[in-house]
Amino acid sequence: MRTARAFAVETLMEWGVTDRLDDVRLCVSELATNALPHGVPPGREFSLRITIDGSLIRVEVRDSGGGCLETGRGGADDCGGRGLHIVQALSDDFGVTPRLLPAAPGRAVGYLNL
C-alpha cells in the first residue's frame, strides 16, 4: 500500500493537483487494501491508474475480481469492513467498471472530482 500511496501523491504533485491530495491518498490506500484479499488471486497483482479530465480525478484500482463491490458491515469493535465506506464518503462518485476482455478479467474501482 505504501508504494501505491506514494505513486498517487507523487503523480498529483507532479501535475500540480494538491487540493484533494489527502482524499486521494486515503482512497488509494483503502481501494488497494480491499483489492488484495478480495480481487487478487495468488500470483497476481493489482494496478493503480490515476487520470485527470478537466475537474475529474479518476482513481482506478484494477484487480482480477469480478462483480460489484459490497460495503462491509464492520461493527464498532471490528478491525475491518469500513474501507469502502471511507471511499464513498470521500469520493464525489464511486463505482465499478467491469473489464470485458476475456484475457483481462476484473474490475476497476473509484472516482474523485476536484
PDB file of N, CA and C in Angstrom:
ATOM      1  N   MET A   1       0.814  -1.189   0.000  1.00  0.00           N
ATOM      2  CA  MET A   1       0.000   0.000   0.000  1.00  0.00           C
ATOM      3  C   MET A   1       0.862   1.260   0.000  1.00  0.00           C
ATOM      4  N   ARG A   2       1.985   1.182   0.657  1.00  0.00           N
ATOM      5  CA  ARG A   2       2.880   2.339   0.726  1.00  0.00           C
ATOM      6  C   ARG A   2       3.284   2.799  -0.675  1.00  0.00           C
ATOM      7  N   THR A   3       3.607   1.849  -1.538  1.00  0.00           N
ATOM      8  CA  THR A   3       4.028   2.190  -2.898  1.00  0.00           C
ATOM      9  C   THR A   3       2.879   2.826  -3.673  1.00  0.00           C
ATOM     10  N   ALA A   4       1.676   2.297  -3.528  1.00  0.00           N
ATOM     11  CA  ALA A   4       0.514   2.857  -4.221  1.00  0.00           C
ATOM     12  C   ALA A   4       0.231   4.281  -3.746  1.00  0.00           C
ATOM     13  N   ARG A   5       0.272   4.501  -2.441  1.00  0.00           N
ATOM     14  CA  ARG A   5       0.041   5.855  -1.904  1.00  0.00           C
ATOM     15  C   ARG A   5       1.113   6.823  -2.385  1.00  0.00           C
ATOM     16  N   ALA A   6       2.365   6.385  -2.358  1.00  0.00           N
ATOM     17  CA  ALA A   6       3.464   7.252  -2.798  1.00  0.00           C
ATOM     18  C   ALA A   6       3.319   7.601  -4.272  1.00  0.00           C
ATOM     19  N   PHE A   7       2.958   6.609  -5.098  1.00  0.00           N
ATOM     20  CA  PHE A   7       2.752   6.872  -6.521  1.00  0.00           C
ATOM     21  C   PHE A   7       1.658   7.919  -6.730  1.00  0.00           C
ATOM     22  N   ALA A   8       0.549   7.773  -6.013  1.00  0.00           N
ATOM     23  CA  ALA A   8      -0.562   8.718  -6.162  1.00  0.00           C
ATOM     24  C   ALA A   8      -0.143  10.130  -5.776  1.00  0.00           C
ATOM     25  N   VAL A   9       0.516  10.257  -4.638  1.00  0.00           N
ATOM     26  CA  VAL A   9       0.944  11.576  -4.164  1.00  0.00           C
ATOM     27  C   VAL A   9       1.957  12.197  -5.123  1.00  0.00           C
ATOM     28  N   GLU A  10       2.966  11.437  -5.523  1.00  0.00           N
ATOM     29  CA  GLU A  10       3.991  11.961  -6.435  1.00  0.00           C
ATOM     30  C   GLU A  10       3.383  12.373  -7.772  1.00  0.00           C
ATOM     31  N   THR A  11       2.463  11.580  -8.287  1.00  0.00           N
ATOM     32  CA  THR A  11       1.827  11.896  -9.575  1.00  0.00           C
ATOM     33  C   THR A  11       1.030  13.187  -9.481  1.00  0.00           C
ATOM     34  N   LEU A  12       0.195  13.317  -8.468  1.00  0.00           N
ATOM     35  CA  LEU A  12      -0.621  14.522  -8.337  1.00  0.00           C
ATOM     36  C   LEU A  12       0.234  15.755  -8.069  1.00  0.00           C
ATOM     37  N   MET A  13       1.289  15.617  -7.276  1.00  0.00           N
ATOM     38  CA  MET A  13       2.169  16.761  -7.022  1.00  0.00           C
ATOM     39  C   MET A  13       2.875  17.173  -8.317  1.00  0.00           C
ATOM     40  N   GLU A  14       3.294  16.199  -9.102  1.00  0.00           N
ATOM     41  CA  GLU A  14       3.946  16.499 -10.383  1.00  0.00           C
ATOM     42  C   GLU A  14       2.990  17.240 -11.312  1.00  0.00           C
ATOM     43  N   TRP A  15       1.715  16.903 -11.254  1.00  0.00           N
ATOM     44  CA  TRP A  15       0.705  17.566 -12.081  1.00  0.00           C
ATOM     45  C   TRP A  15       0.237  18.886 -11.469  1.00  0.00           C
ATOM     46  N   GLY A  16       0.676  19.190 -10.241  1.00  0.00           N
ATOM     47  CA  GLY A  16       0.260  20.420  -9.581  1.00  0.00           C
ATOM     48  C   GLY A  16      -1.154  20.359  -9.032  1.00  0.00           C
ATOM     49  N   VAL A  17      -1.648  19.175  -8.787  1.00  0.00           N
ATOM     50  CA  VAL A  17      -3.003  18.974  -8.271  1.00  0.00           C
ATOM     51  C   VAL A  17      -2.881  18.534  -6.817  1.00  0.00           C
ATOM     52  N   THR A  18      -3.131  19.460  -5.899  1.00  0.00           N
ATOM     53  CA  THR A  18      -2.945  19.148  -4.482  1.00  0.00           C
ATOM     54  C   THR A  18      -4.193  19.399  -3.639  1.00  0.00           C
ATOM     55  N   ASP A  19      -5.271  19.902  -4.242  1.00  0.00           N
ATOM     56  CA  ASP A  19      -6.468  20.244  -3.476  1.00  0.00           C
ATOM     57  C   ASP A  19      -7.053  19.056  -2.715  1.00  0.00           C
ATOM     58  N   ARG A  20      -7.055  17.896  -3.306  1.00  0.00           N
ATOM     59  CA  ARG A  20      -7.669  16.715  -2.688  1.00  0.00           C
ATOM     60  C   ARG A  20      -6.634  15.621  -2.429  1.00  0.00           C
ATOM     61  N   LEU A  21      -5.409  16.027  -2.216  1.00  0.00           N
ATOM     62  CA  LEU A  21      -4.304  15.087  -2.077  1.00  0.00           C
ATOM     63  C   LEU A  21      -4.546  14.069  -0.956  1.00  0.00           C
ATOM     64  N   ASP A  22      -4.980  14.530   0.198  1.00  0.00           N
ATOM     65  CA  ASP A  22      -5.217  13.612   1.315  1.00  0.00           C
ATOM     66  C   ASP A  22      -6.374  12.665   1.024  1.00  0.00           C
ATOM     67  N   ASP A  23      -7.428  13.174   0.365  1.00  0.00           N
ATOM     68  CA  ASP A  23      -8.554  12.317   0.000  1.00  0.00           C
ATOM     69  C   ASP A  23      -8.111  11.228  -0.972  1.00  0.00           C
ATOM     70  N   VAL A  24      -7.334  11.613  -1.971  1.00  0.00           N
ATOM     71  CA  VAL A  24      -6.853  10.646  -2.951  1.00  0.00           C
ATOM     72  C   VAL A  24      -5.960   9.616  -2.269  1.00  0.00           C
ATOM     73  N   ARG A  25      -5.061  10.072  -1.444  1.00  0.00           N
ATOM     74  CA  ARG A  25      -4.143   9.158  -0.750  1.00  0.00           C
ATOM     75  C   ARG A  25      -4.926   8.125   0.064  1.00  0.00           C
ATOM     76  N   LEU A  26      -5.928   8.563   0.798  1.00  0.00           N
ATOM     77  CA  LEU A  26      -6.707   7.643   1.623  1.00  0.00           C
ATOM     78  C   LEU A  26      -7.548   6.702   0.763  1.00  0.00           C
ATOM     79  N   CYS A  27      -8.142   7.213  -0.307  1.00  0.00           N
ATOM     80  CA  CYS A  27      -8.931   6.351  -1.200  1.00  0.00           C
ATOM     81  C   CYS A  27      -8.047   5.304  -1.863  1.00  0.00           C
ATOM     82  N   VAL A  28      -6.872   5.700  -2.321  1.00  0.00           N
ATOM     83  CA  VAL A  28      -5.941   4.739  -2.918  1.00  0.00           C
ATOM     84  C   VAL A  28      -5.591   3.660  -1.904  1.00  0.00           C
ATOM     85  N   SER A  29      -5.312   4.054  -0.686  1.00  0.00           N
ATOM     86  CA  SER A  29      -4.955   3.101   0.350  1.00  0.00           C
ATOM     87  C   SER A  29      -6.093   2.113   0.606  1.00  0.00           C
ATOM     88  N   GLU A  30      -7.299   2.605   0.731  1.00  0.00           N
ATOM     89  CA  GLU A  30      -8.442   1.737   1.018  1.00  0.00           C
ATOM     90  C   GLU A  30      -8.771   0.827  -0.160  1.00  0.00           C
ATOM     91  N   LEU A  31      -8.729   1.356  -1.386  1.00  0.00           N
ATOM     92  CA  LEU A  31      -9.029   0.531  -2.561  1.00  0.00           C
ATOM     93  C   LEU A  31      -7.968  -0.542  -2.771  1.00  0.00           C
ATOM     94  N   ALA A  32      -6.716  -0.174  -2.585  1.00  0.00           N
ATOM     95  CA  ALA A  32      -5.636  -1.152  -2.742  1.00  0.00           C
ATOM     96  C   ALA A  32      -5.713  -2.219  -1.651  1.00  0.00           C
ATOM     97  N   THR A  33      -5.992  -1.799  -0.429  1.00  0.00           N
ATOM     98  CA  THR A  33      -6.127  -2.743   0.671  1.00  0.00           C
ATOM     99  C   THR A  33      -7.287  -3.700   0.423  1.00  0.00           C
ATOM    100  N   ASN A  34      -8.357  -3.196  -0.155  1.00  0.00           N
ATOM    101  CA  ASN A  34      -9.517  -4.030  -0.467  1.00  0.00           C
ATOM    102  C   ASN A  34      -9.213  -4.999  -1.614  1.00  0.00           C
ATOM    103  N   ALA A  35      -8.415  -4.567  -2.579  1.00  0.00           N
ATOM    104  CA  ALA A  35      -8.117  -5.404  -3.742  1.00  0.00           C
ATOM    105  C   ALA A  35      -7.347  -6.662  -3.363  1.00  0.00           C
ATOM    106  N   LEU A  36      -6.464  -6.559  -2.411  1.00  0.00           N
ATOM    107  CA  LEU A  36      -5.619  -7.709  -2.074  1.00  0.00           C
ATOM    108  C   LEU A  36      -6.403  -8.937  -1.608  1.00  0.00           C
ATOM    109  N   PRO A  37      -7.262  -8.837  -0.618  1.00  0.00           N
ATOM    110  CA  PRO A  37      -7.959 -10.053  -0.187  1.00  0.00           C
ATOM    111  C   PRO A  37      -9.176 -10.414  -1.040  1.00  0.00           C
ATOM    112  N   HIS A  38      -9.723  -9.434  -1.785  1.00  0.00           N
ATOM    113  CA  HIS A  38     -10.986  -9.683  -2.475  1.00  0.00           C
ATOM    114  C   HIS A  38     -10.879  -9.764  -3.992  1.00  0.00           C
ATOM    115  N   GLY A  39      -9.784  -9.321  -4.579  1.00  0.00           N
ATOM    116  CA  GLY A  39      -9.737  -9.293  -6.031  1.00  0.00           C
ATOM    117  C   GLY A  39      -8.448  -9.755  -6.656  1.00  0.00           C
ATOM    118  N   VAL A  40      -7.501 -10.172  -5.842  1.00  0.00           N
ATOM    119  CA  VAL A  40      -6.195 -10.552  -6.378  1.00  0.00           C
ATOM    120  C   VAL A  40      -5.895 -12.002  -5.983  1.00  0.00           C
ATOM    121  N   PRO A  41      -6.046 -12.917  -6.932  1.00  0.00           N
ATOM    122  CA  PRO A  41      -5.688 -14.306  -6.613  1.00  0.00           C
ATOM    123  C   PRO A  41      -4.186 -14.445  -6.407  1.00  0.00           C
ATOM    124  N   PRO A  42      -3.757 -15.498  -5.735  1.00  0.00           N
ATOM    125  CA  PRO A  42      -2.314 -15.708  -5.556  1.00  0.00           C
ATOM    126  C   PRO A  42      -1.566 -15.675  -6.882  1.00  0.00           C
ATOM    127  N   GLY A  43      -0.436 -14.986  -6.892  1.00  0.00           N
ATOM    128  CA  GLY A  43       0.367 -14.870  -8.106  1.00  0.00           C
ATOM    129  C   GLY A  43       0.000 -13.700  -8.991  1.00  0.00           C
ATOM    130  N   ARG A  44      -1.021 -12.956  -8.648  1.00  0.00           N
ATOM    131  CA  ARG A  44      -1.419 -11.781  -9.430  1.00  0.00           C
ATOM    132  C   ARG A  44      -1.297 -10.540  -8.574  1.00  0.00           C
ATOM    133  N   GLU A  45      -1.363  -9.397  -9.228  1.00  0.00           N
ATOM    134  CA  GLU A  45      -1.262  -8.119  -8.527  1.00  0.00           C
ATOM    135  C   GLU A  45      -2.411  -7.219  -8.940  1.00  0.00           C
ATOM    136  N   PHE A  46      -2.539  -6.094  -8.286  1.00  0.00           N
ATOM    137  CA  PHE A  46      -3.495  -5.078  -8.710  1.00  0.00           C
ATOM    138  C   PHE A  46      -2.712  -3.964  -9.392  1.00  0.00           C
ATOM    139  N   SER A  47      -3.413  -3.104 -10.117  1.00  0.00           N
ATOM    140  CA  SER A  47      -2.753  -1.946 -10.709  1.00  0.00           C
ATOM    141  C   SER A  47      -3.495  -0.690 -10.294  1.00  0.00           C
ATOM    142  N   LEU A  48      -2.775   0.411 -10.276  1.00  0.00           N
ATOM    143  CA  LEU A  48      -3.322   1.714  -9.911  1.00  0.00           C
ATOM    144  C   LEU A  48      -3.154   2.641 -11.094  1.00  0.00           C
ATOM    145  N   ARG A  49      -4.223   3.310 -11.455  1.00  0.00           N
ATOM    146  CA  ARG A  49      -4.194   4.282 -12.556  1.00  0.00           C
ATOM    147  C   ARG A  49      -4.866   5.558 -12.064  1.00  0.00           C
ATOM    148  N   ILE A  50      -4.223   6.679 -12.323  1.00  0.00           N
ATOM    149  CA  ILE A  50      -4.786   7.980 -11.958  1.00  0.00           C
ATOM    150  C   ILE A  50      -4.800   8.832 -13.220  1.00  0.00           C
ATOM    151  N   THR A  51      -5.951   9.393 -13.537  1.00  0.00           N
ATOM    152  CA  THR A  51      -6.077  10.271 -14.698  1.00  0.00           C
ATOM    153  C   THR A  51      -6.821  11.533 -14.281  1.00  0.00           C
ATOM    154  N   ILE A  52      -6.598  12.580 -15.054  1.00  0.00           N
ATOM    155  CA  ILE A  52      -7.322  13.834 -14.837  1.00  0.00           C
ATOM    156  C   ILE A  52      -7.981  14.227 -16.147  1.00  0.00           C
ATOM    157  N   ASP A  53      -9.250  14.585 -16.065  1.00  0.00           N
ATOM    158  CA  ASP A  53     -10.002  15.061 -17.221  1.00  0.00           C
ATOM    159  C   ASP A  53     -10.811  16.261 -16.752  1.00  0.00           C
ATOM    160  N   GLY A  54     -10.302  17.442 -17.040  1.00  0.00           N
ATOM    161  CA  GLY A  54     -10.950  18.661 -16.552  1.00  0.00           C
ATOM    162  C   GLY A  54     -10.868  18.710 -15.037  1.00  0.00           C
ATOM    163  N   SER A  55     -12.034  18.703 -14.378  1.00  0.00           N
ATOM    164  CA  SER A  55     -12.051  18.749 -12.905  1.00  0.00           C
ATOM    165  C   SER A  55     -12.221  17.364 -12.282  1.00  0.00           C
ATOM    166  N   LEU A  56     -12.104  16.330 -13.084  1.00  0.00           N
ATOM    167  CA  LEU A  56     -12.286  14.973 -12.577  1.00  0.00           C
ATOM    168  C   LEU A  56     -10.950  14.272 -12.409  1.00  0.00           C
ATOM    169  N   ILE A  57     -10.680  13.825 -11.194  1.00  0.00           N
ATOM    170  CA  ILE A  57      -9.555  12.927 -10.943  1.00  0.00           C
ATOM    171  C   ILE A  57     -10.166  11.539 -10.887  1.00  0.00           C
ATOM    172  N   ARG A  58      -9.686  10.685 -11.732  1.00  0.00           N
ATOM    173  CA  ARG A  58     -10.179   9.300 -11.718  1.00  0.00           C
ATOM    174  C   ARG A  58      -9.091   8.430 -11.116  1.00  0.00           C
ATOM    175  N   VAL A  59      -9.431   7.784 -10.020  1.00  0.00           N
ATOM    176  CA  VAL A  59      -8.531   6.867  -9.344  1.00  0.00           C
ATOM    177  C   VAL A  59      -9.084   5.474  -9.595  1.00  0.00           C
ATOM    178  N   GLU A  60      -8.309   4.649 -10.278  1.00  0.00           N
ATOM    179  CA  GLU A  60      -8.736   3.291 -10.568  1.00  0.00           C
ATOM    180  C   GLU A  60      -7.762   2.302  -9.939  1.00  0.00           C
ATOM    181  N   VAL A  61      -8.291   1.402  -9.190  1.00  0.00           N
ATOM    182  CA  VAL A  61      -7.529   0.256  -8.732  1.00  0.00           C
ATOM    183  C   VAL A  61      -8.136  -0.932  -9.460  1.00  0.00           C
ATOM    184  N   ARG A  62      -7.337  -1.524 -10.335  1.00  0.00           N
ATOM    185  CA  ARG A  62      -7.813  -2.670 -11.125  1.00  0.00           C
ATOM    186  C   ARG A  62      -7.324  -3.952 -10.470  1.00  0.00           C
ATOM    187  N   ASP A  63      -8.248  -4.897 -10.368  1.00  0.00           N
ATOM    188  CA  ASP A  63      -7.878  -6.202  -9.832  1.00  0.00           C
ATOM    189  C   ASP A  63      -8.537  -7.280 -10.683  1.00  0.00           C
ATOM    190  N   SER A  64      -8.374  -8.516 -10.298  1.00  0.00           N
ATOM    191  CA  SER A  64      -8.902  -9.642 -11.068  1.00  0.00           C
ATOM    192  C   SER A  64     -10.255 -10.112 -10.559  1.00  0.00           C
ATOM    193  N   GLY A  65     -10.812  -9.411  -9.616  1.00  0.00           N
ATOM    194  CA  GLY A  65     -12.106  -9.802  -9.061  1.00  0.00           C
ATOM    195  C   GLY A  65     -13.220  -9.531 -10.044  1.00  0.00           C
ATOM    196  N   GLY A  66     -14.326 -10.126  -9.795  1.00  0.00           N
ATOM    197  CA  GLY A  66     -15.488  -9.920 -10.640  1.00  0.00           C
ATOM    198  C   GLY A  66     -16.631  -9.335  -9.842  1.00  0.00           C
ATOM    199  N   GLY A  67     -17.637  -8.895 -10.552  1.00  0.00           N
ATOM    200  CA  GLY A  67     -18.850  -8.424  -9.903  1.00  0.00           C
ATOM    201  C   GLY A  67     -18.701  -7.067  -9.252  1.00  0.00           C
ATOM    202  N   CYS A  68     -19.731  -6.738  -8.511  1.00  0.00           N
ATOM    203  CA  CYS A  68     -19.788  -5.452  -7.813  1.00  0.00           C
ATOM    204  C   CYS A  68     -19.173  -5.580  -6.429  1.00  0.00           C
ATOM    205  N   LEU A  69     -18.823  -4.463  -5.889  1.00  0.00           N
ATOM    206  CA  LEU A  69     -18.294  -4.429  -4.529  1.00  0.00           C
ATOM    207  C   LEU A  69     -19.433  -4.241  -3.552  1.00  0.00           C
ATOM    208  N   GLU A  70     -19.257  -4.796  -2.385  1.00  0.00           N
ATOM    209  CA  GLU A  70     -20.218  -4.588  -1.317  1.00  0.00           C
ATOM    210  C   GLU A  70     -19.500  -3.927  -0.157  1.00  0.00           C
ATOM    211  N   THR A  71     -20.120  -2.890   0.366  1.00  0.00           N
ATOM    212  CA  THR A  71     -19.519  -2.247   1.525  1.00  0.00           C
ATOM    213  C   THR A  71     -19.712  -3.156   2.728  1.00  0.00           C
ATOM    214  N   GLY A  72     -18.687  -3.230   3.547  1.00  0.00           N
ATOM    215  CA  GLY A  72     -18.723  -4.105   4.712  1.00  0.00           C
ATOM    216  C   GLY A  72     -19.665  -3.602   5.782  1.00  0.00           C
ATOM    217  N   ARG A  73     -19.915  -4.459   6.699  1.00  0.00           N
ATOM    218  CA  ARG A  73     -20.778  -4.098   7.825  1.00  0.00           C
ATOM    219  C   ARG A  73     -19.983  -4.191   9.121  1.00  0.00           C
ATOM    220  N   GLY A  74     -18.812  -3.601   9.091  1.00  0.00           N
ATOM    221  CA  GLY A  74     -17.939  -3.668  10.258  1.00  0.00           C
ATOM    222  C   GLY A  74     -18.569  -2.996  11.463  1.00  0.00           C
ATOM    223  N   GLY A  75     -18.525  -3.707  12.573  1.00  0.00           N
ATOM    224  CA  GLY A  75     -19.047  -3.155  13.822  1.00  0.00           C
ATOM    225  C   GLY A  75     -18.019  -2.261  14.490  1.00  0.00           C
ATOM    226  N   ALA A  76     -18.411  -1.664  15.568  1.00  0.00           N
ATOM    227  CA  ALA A  76     -17.555  -0.713  16.278  1.00  0.00           C
ATOM    228  C   ALA A  76     -16.248  -1.339  16.738  1.00  0.00           C
ATOM    229  N   ASP A  77     -16.255  -2.621  17.047  1.00  0.00           N
ATOM    230  CA  ASP A  77     -15.053  -3.285  17.554  1.00  0.00           C
ATOM    231  C   ASP A  77     -14.318  -4.088  16.487  1.00  0.00           C
ATOM    232  N   ASP A  78     -14.842  -4.137  15.272  1.00  0.00           N
ATOM    233  CA  ASP A  78     -14.203  -4.903  14.201  1.00  0.00           C
ATOM    234  C   ASP A  78     -12.989  -4.163  13.645  1.00  0.00           C
ATOM    235  N   CYS A  79     -12.012  -4.949  13.194  1.00  0.00           N
ATOM    236  CA  CYS A  79     -10.788  -4.362  12.631  1.00  0.00           C
ATOM    237  C   CYS A  79     -10.936  -4.026  11.153  1.00  0.00           C
ATOM    238  N   GLY A  80     -11.971  -4.457  10.505  1.00  0.00           N
ATOM    239  CA  GLY A  80     -12.134  -4.215   9.077  1.00  0.00           C
ATOM    240  C   GLY A  80     -13.586  -3.963   8.733  1.00  0.00           C
ATOM    241  N   GLY A  81     -13.830  -3.816   7.435  1.00  0.00           N
ATOM    242  CA  GLY A  81     -15.194  -3.650   6.961  1.00  0.00           C
ATOM    243  C   GLY A  81     -15.627  -2.213   6.739  1.00  0.00           C
ATOM    244  N   ARG A  82     -14.710  -1.264   6.846  1.00  0.00           N
ATOM    245  CA  ARG A  82     -15.084   0.154   6.689  1.00  0.00           C
ATOM    246  C   ARG A  82     -14.445   0.832   5.481  1.00  0.00           C
ATOM    247  N   GLY A  83     -13.513   0.152   4.801  1.00  0.00           N
ATOM    248  CA  GLY A  83     -12.742   0.788   3.738  1.00  0.00           C
ATOM    249  C   GLY A  83     -13.567   1.401   2.634  1.00  0.00           C
ATOM    250  N   LEU A  84     -14.543   0.651   2.108  1.00  0.00           N
ATOM    251  CA  LEU A  84     -15.358   1.191   1.021  1.00  0.00           C
ATOM    252  C   LEU A  84     -16.306   2.281   1.508  1.00  0.00           C
ATOM    253  N   HIS A  85     -16.689   2.236   2.781  1.00  0.00           N
ATOM    254  CA  HIS A  85     -17.480   3.338   3.359  1.00  0.00           C
ATOM    255  C   HIS A  85     -16.648   4.626   3.345  1.00  0.00           C
ATOM    256  N   ILE A  86     -15.377   4.505   3.659  1.00  0.00           N
ATOM    257  CA  ILE A  86     -14.480   5.670   3.643  1.00  0.00           C
ATOM    258  C   ILE A  86     -14.362   6.214   2.231  1.00  0.00           C
ATOM    259  N   VAL A  87     -14.155   5.315   1.261  1.00  0.00           N
ATOM    260  CA  VAL A  87     -14.035   5.751  -0.131  1.00  0.00           C
ATOM    261  C   VAL A  87     -15.319   6.440  -0.573  1.00  0.00           C
ATOM    262  N   GLN A  88     -16.472   5.875  -0.242  1.00  0.00           N
ATOM    263  CA  GLN A  88     -17.739   6.506  -0.612  1.00  0.00           C
ATOM    264  C   GLN A  88     -17.897   7.877   0.028  1.00  0.00           C
ATOM    265  N   ALA A  89     -17.456   8.024   1.265  1.00  0.00           N
ATOM    266  CA  ALA A  89     -17.585   9.304   1.962  1.00  0.00           C
ATOM    267  C   ALA A  89     -16.677  10.374   1.357  1.00  0.00           C
ATOM    268  N   LEU A  90     -15.496   9.986   0.905  1.00  0.00           N
ATOM    269  CA  LEU A  90     -14.540  10.955   0.365  1.00  0.00           C
ATOM    270  C   LEU A  90     -14.731  11.232  -1.114  1.00  0.00           C
ATOM    271  N   SER A  91     -15.325  10.294  -1.834  1.00  0.00           N
ATOM    272  CA  SER A  91     -15.476  10.429  -3.280  1.00  0.00           C
ATOM    273  C   SER A  91     -16.743  11.197  -3.612  1.00  0.00           C
ATOM    274  N   ASP A  92     -16.669  11.912  -4.723  1.00  0.00           N
ATOM    275  CA  ASP A  92     -17.862  12.570  -5.231  1.00  0.00           C
ATOM    276  C   ASP A  92     -18.707  11.580  -6.020  1.00  0.00           C
ATOM    277  N   ASP A  93     -18.071  10.519  -6.488  1.00  0.00           N
ATOM    278  CA  ASP A  93     -18.747   9.434  -7.182  1.00  0.00           C
ATOM    279  C   ASP A  93     -17.895   8.195  -6.971  1.00  0.00           C
ATOM    280  N   PHE A  94     -18.516   7.042  -7.030  1.00  0.00           N
ATOM    281  CA  PHE A  94     -17.808   5.814  -6.733  1.00  0.00           C
ATOM    282  C   PHE A  94     -18.503   4.697  -7.495  1.00  0.00           C
ATOM    283  N   GLY A  95     -17.740   3.837  -8.101  1.00  0.00           N
ATOM    284  CA  GLY A  95     -18.369   2.751  -8.824  1.00  0.00           C
ATOM    285  C   GLY A  95     -17.375   1.709  -9.282  1.00  0.00           C
ATOM    286  N   VAL A  96     -17.908   0.721  -9.989  1.00  0.00           N
ATOM    287  CA  VAL A  96     -17.118  -0.378 -10.505  1.00  0.00           C
ATOM    288  C   VAL A  96     -17.312  -0.433 -12.013  1.00  0.00           C
ATOM    289  N   THR A  97     -16.208  -0.537 -12.731  1.00  0.00           N
ATOM    290  CA  THR A  97     -16.238  -0.711 -14.176  1.00  0.00           C
ATOM    291  C   THR A  97     -15.681  -2.093 -14.483  1.00  0.00           C
ATOM    292  N   PRO A  98     -16.536  -3.015 -14.969  1.00  0.00           N
ATOM    293  CA  PRO A  98     -16.006  -4.352 -15.278  1.00  0.00           C
ATOM    294  C   PRO A  98     -15.137  -4.319 -16.523  1.00  0.00           C
ATOM    295  N   ARG A  99     -14.110  -5.133 -16.528  1.00  0.00           N
ATOM    296  CA  ARG A  99     -13.304  -5.314 -17.737  1.00  0.00           C
ATOM    297  C   ARG A  99     -13.934  -6.447 -18.513  1.00  0.00           C
ATOM    298  N   LEU A 100     -14.173  -6.220 -19.778  1.00  0.00           N
ATOM    299  CA  LEU A 100     -14.912  -7.183 -20.575  1.00  0.00           C
ATOM    300  C   LEU A 100     -14.024  -8.082 -21.419  1.00  0.00           C
ATOM    301  N   LEU A 101     -12.731  -7.823 -21.451  1.00  0.00           N
ATOM    302  CA  LEU A 101     -11.836  -8.638 -22.272  1.00  0.00           C
ATOM    303  C   LEU A 101     -11.602  -9.982 -21.591  1.00  0.00           C
ATOM    304  N   PRO A 102     -11.786 -11.089 -22.325  1.00  0.00           N
ATOM    305  CA  PRO A 102     -11.560 -12.401 -21.709  1.00  0.00           C
ATOM    306  C   PRO A 102     -10.130 -12.583 -21.204  1.00  0.00           C
ATOM    307  N   ALA A 103      -9.175 -11.959 -21.864  1.00  0.00           N
ATOM    308  CA  ALA A 103      -7.775 -12.102 -21.451  1.00  0.00           C
ATOM    309  C   ALA A 103      -7.446 -11.252 -20.235  1.00  0.00           C
ATOM    310  N   ALA A 104      -8.315 -10.320 -19.890  1.00  0.00           N
ATOM    311  CA  ALA A 104      -8.046  -9.426 -18.763  1.00  0.00           C
ATOM    312  C   ALA A 104      -9.295  -9.272 -17.905  1.00  0.00           C
ATOM    313  N   PRO A 105      -9.702 -10.338 -17.204  1.00  0.00           N
ATOM    314  CA  PRO A 105     -10.890 -10.225 -16.366  1.00  0.00           C
ATOM    315  C   PRO A 105     -10.646  -9.286 -15.194  1.00  0.00           C
ATOM    316  N   GLY A 106     -11.703  -8.813 -14.634  1.00  0.00           N
ATOM    317  CA  GLY A 106     -11.556  -7.994 -13.433  1.00  0.00           C
ATOM    318  C   GLY A 106     -12.423  -6.766 -13.452  1.00  0.00           C
ATOM    319  N   ARG A 107     -12.004  -5.776 -12.659  1.00  0.00           N
ATOM    320  CA  ARG A 107     -12.800  -4.561 -12.490  1.00  0.00           C
ATOM    321  C   ARG A 107     -11.888  -3.410 -12.106  1.00  0.00           C
ATOM    322  N   ALA A 108     -12.388  -2.217 -12.319  1.00  0.00           N
ATOM    323  CA  ALA A 108     -11.698  -1.008 -11.872  1.00  0.00           C
ATOM    324  C   ALA A 108     -12.657  -0.266 -10.947  1.00  0.00           C
ATOM    325  N   VAL A 109     -12.122   0.348  -9.902  1.00  0.00           N
ATOM    326  CA  VAL A 109     -12.953   0.962  -8.880  1.00  0.00           C
ATOM    327  C   VAL A 109     -12.466   2.369  -8.577  1.00  0.00           C
ATOM    328  N   GLY A 110     -13.399   3.331  -8.461  1.00  0.00           N
ATOM    329  CA  GLY A 110     -13.105   4.616  -7.863  1.00  0.00           C
ATOM    330  C   GLY A 110     -13.166   5.825  -8.763  1.00  0.00           C
ATOM    331  N   TYR A 111     -13.571   6.965  -8.223  1.00  0.00           N
ATOM    332  CA  TYR A 111     -13.596   8.254  -8.901  1.00  0.00           C
ATOM    333  C   TYR A 111     -13.530   9.358  -7.847  1.00  0.00           C
ATOM    334  N   LEU A 112     -12.933  10.483  -8.205  1.00  0.00           N
ATOM    335  CA  LEU A 112     -12.945  11.660  -7.338  1.00  0.00           C
ATOM    336  C   LEU A 112     -13.048  12.894  -8.211  1.00  0.00           C
ATOM    337  N   ASN A 113     -13.876  13.841  -7.851  1.00  0.00           N
ATOM    338  CA  ASN A 113     -13.914  15.123  -8.536  1.00  0.00           C
ATOM    339  C   ASN A 113     -13.132  16.145  -7.733  1.00  0.00           C
ATOM    340  N   LEU A 114     -12.488  17.085  -8.420  1.00  0.00           N
ATOM    341  CA  LEU A 114     -11.772  18.168  -7.730  1.00  0.00           C
ATOM    342  C   LEU A 114     -12.766  19.180  -7.187  1.00  0.00           C
TER     343      LEU A 114
END
